[in-house]
Protein backbone atom coordinates (compact mmCIF):
# COMPACT_ATOMS: atom_id res chain seq x y z
CA MET A 1 3.73 -32.72 -19.89
CA ASN A 2 0.99 -31.89 -16.80
CA ARG A 3 3.86 -31.04 -14.46
CA VAL A 4 4.52 -28.47 -17.17
CA ILE A 5 1.37 -27.25 -17.71
CA LEU A 6 0.64 -26.69 -14.51
CA GLN A 7 4.43 -25.25 -13.63
CA LEU A 8 3.23 -22.55 -16.55
CA ILE A 9 0.11 -22.67 -14.64
CA ALA A 10 1.92 -21.27 -11.69
CA VAL A 11 4.36 -18.77 -12.83
CA GLY A 12 1.25 -17.27 -14.52
CA PHE A 13 -0.18 -16.60 -11.62
CA CYS A 14 2.34 -14.68 -9.72
CA PHE A 15 2.69 -12.50 -12.80
CA ALA A 16 -0.72 -12.24 -12.38
CA VAL A 17 0.04 -11.09 -8.54
CA VAL A 18 2.27 -8.74 -10.03
CA GLN A 19 -0.08 -7.12 -11.98
CA SER A 20 -2.21 -5.43 -8.83
CA LEU A 21 -0.03 -3.29 -6.66
CA GLN A 22 -0.43 -4.54 -2.87
CA CYS A 23 0.30 -1.72 -0.30
CA TYR A 24 0.15 -1.56 4.00
CA LYS A 25 -3.63 0.42 4.62
CA CYS A 26 -3.36 2.26 7.78
CA THR A 27 -6.53 4.48 8.29
CA ILE A 28 -5.37 6.74 10.94
CA GLY A 29 -2.36 6.11 13.51
CA PHE A 30 -1.16 8.72 15.85
CA GLY A 31 2.21 8.95 16.66
CA ASP A 32 4.53 6.00 16.23
CA LEU A 33 1.22 3.49 16.16
CA CYS A 34 -0.27 3.30 12.89
CA ILE A 35 -1.96 -0.29 12.50
CA THR A 36 -2.05 -1.35 9.00
CA THR A 37 -3.28 -4.13 6.90
CA LYS A 38 -2.75 -5.21 2.99
CA THR A 39 -4.85 -4.01 0.18
CA THR A 40 -4.91 -4.34 -3.22
CA CYS A 41 -5.08 -0.54 -5.42
CA ASP A 42 -6.87 0.09 -8.27
CA ALA A 43 -5.78 1.13 -12.04
CA GLY A 44 -4.38 4.69 -11.41
CA GLU A 45 -3.54 4.23 -8.28
CA HIS A 46 0.35 3.75 -6.34
CA CYS A 47 0.58 3.22 -2.57
CA TYR A 48 1.26 6.13 -0.32
CA SER A 49 2.44 7.32 3.27
CA GLY A 50 1.16 10.02 4.44
CA VAL A 51 2.49 11.94 7.69
CA GLY A 52 1.15 15.78 9.54
CA LYS A 53 -0.42 17.74 12.39
CA ALA A 54 -3.55 17.20 13.68
CA ALA A 55 -4.68 20.50 15.73
CA GLY A 56 -1.99 22.31 14.48
CA PHE A 57 0.54 19.97 17.01
CA VAL A 58 -0.42 15.99 17.29
CA ASP A 59 1.43 13.47 14.99
CA ILE A 60 -0.64 11.77 12.68
CA LYS A 61 0.28 9.17 10.14
CA MET A 62 -1.98 7.39 7.07
CA LYS A 63 -0.96 4.53 4.97
CA GLY A 64 -2.67 3.14 1.46
CA CYS A 65 -3.62 3.61 -1.63
CA LEU A 66 -4.11 7.16 -3.87
CA ALA A 67 -4.94 8.61 -7.18
CA VAL A 68 -1.57 9.14 -9.27
CA ALA A 69 -2.38 13.00 -9.60
CA MET A 70 -3.18 13.20 -6.25
CA CYS A 71 0.61 11.77 -4.98
CA ASN A 72 3.45 14.17 -3.35
CA LYS A 73 1.05 16.79 -2.36
CA THR A 74 0.23 18.51 1.31
CA GLU A 75 -3.71 18.93 1.70
CA ASP A 76 -5.76 19.96 4.77
CA ALA A 77 -8.97 18.72 5.34
CA ASN A 78 -11.53 21.38 6.52
CA PHE A 79 -14.28 21.14 8.92
CA PRO A 80 -17.10 23.37 7.59
CA ALA A 81 -18.91 25.46 9.39
CA SER A 82 -21.50 28.66 9.14
CA SER A 83 -19.54 30.98 8.75
CA SER A 84 -15.48 29.53 8.20
CA ASN A 85 -13.19 26.57 8.00
CA THR A 86 -11.88 25.28 10.57
CA THR A 87 -8.59 23.01 9.50
CA ILE A 88 -8.43 19.53 11.42
CA TYR A 89 -4.98 18.04 10.05
CA THR A 90 -2.81 18.95 7.77
CA MET A 91 -0.64 16.20 5.05
CA THR A 92 1.73 15.46 3.16
CA LYS A 93 1.18 12.50 1.22
CA THR A 94 4.13 10.79 -0.21
CA CYS A 95 3.70 8.63 -3.09
CA CYS A 96 5.61 4.97 -4.68
CA ASN A 97 4.84 1.79 -6.56
CA THR A 98 6.07 -1.25 -6.18
CA ASN A 99 4.36 -3.83 -3.71
CA LEU A 100 4.34 -2.80 -0.05
CA CYS A 101 6.41 -0.37 -0.39
CA ASN A 102 4.68 2.79 1.81
CA ALA A 103 6.48 0.11 4.69
CA ALA A 104 8.07 1.40 7.39
CA PRO A 105 11.75 1.79 6.82
CA GLY A 106 14.33 -1.28 6.60
CA THR A 107 11.01 -3.05 6.58
CA SER A 108 12.05 -5.99 3.28
CA GLY A 109 9.83 -6.84 0.62
CA LEU A 110 10.66 -9.80 0.36
CA SER A 111 6.74 -11.51 0.21
CA LEU A 112 6.73 -11.72 -3.74
CA ALA A 113 9.82 -14.03 -4.23
CA LEU A 114 8.83 -16.57 -1.67
CA ALA A 115 4.81 -16.63 -3.20
CA THR A 116 6.38 -17.47 -6.69
CA VAL A 117 9.12 -20.43 -5.47
CA THR A 118 6.44 -21.85 -2.91
CA ALA A 119 4.44 -22.09 -6.08
CA LEU A 120 7.13 -23.32 -7.58
CA PHE A 121 7.81 -25.97 -5.44
CA MET A 122 4.16 -27.04 -4.60
CA ALA A 123 4.12 -27.52 -8.87
CA ASN A 124 6.86 -29.75 -8.21
CA ILE A 125 4.61 -31.67 -5.46
CA LEU A 126 1.61 -32.04 -6.67
CA VAL A 127 2.16 -33.81 -9.95
């Protein structure tokens, strides 16, 4: 009986993890370099990958969580000067809504499946 309860808790934990969207986060990257960490989005946010140009010629990238209303748009980041605005960079932010979907192309999203199998395996060992 204890084994069944522990397995149900392990499966419930995995479903709880699914409720929070996990994304890669990169504050700013230049060219092909974008050092990422993992982050958990708040409600109403999706993962995004941003690609743009700074000063009109430097390729920049960003990743993270973004409010759904801001998804799939191109925006200019301006520096307010005394008499005019100067565009620092222009960026297009494309969103997706599955765990770690804003990874580099070709990256696999098997981490949740591995976590589920590991949790079930540990539940069997502990009981």
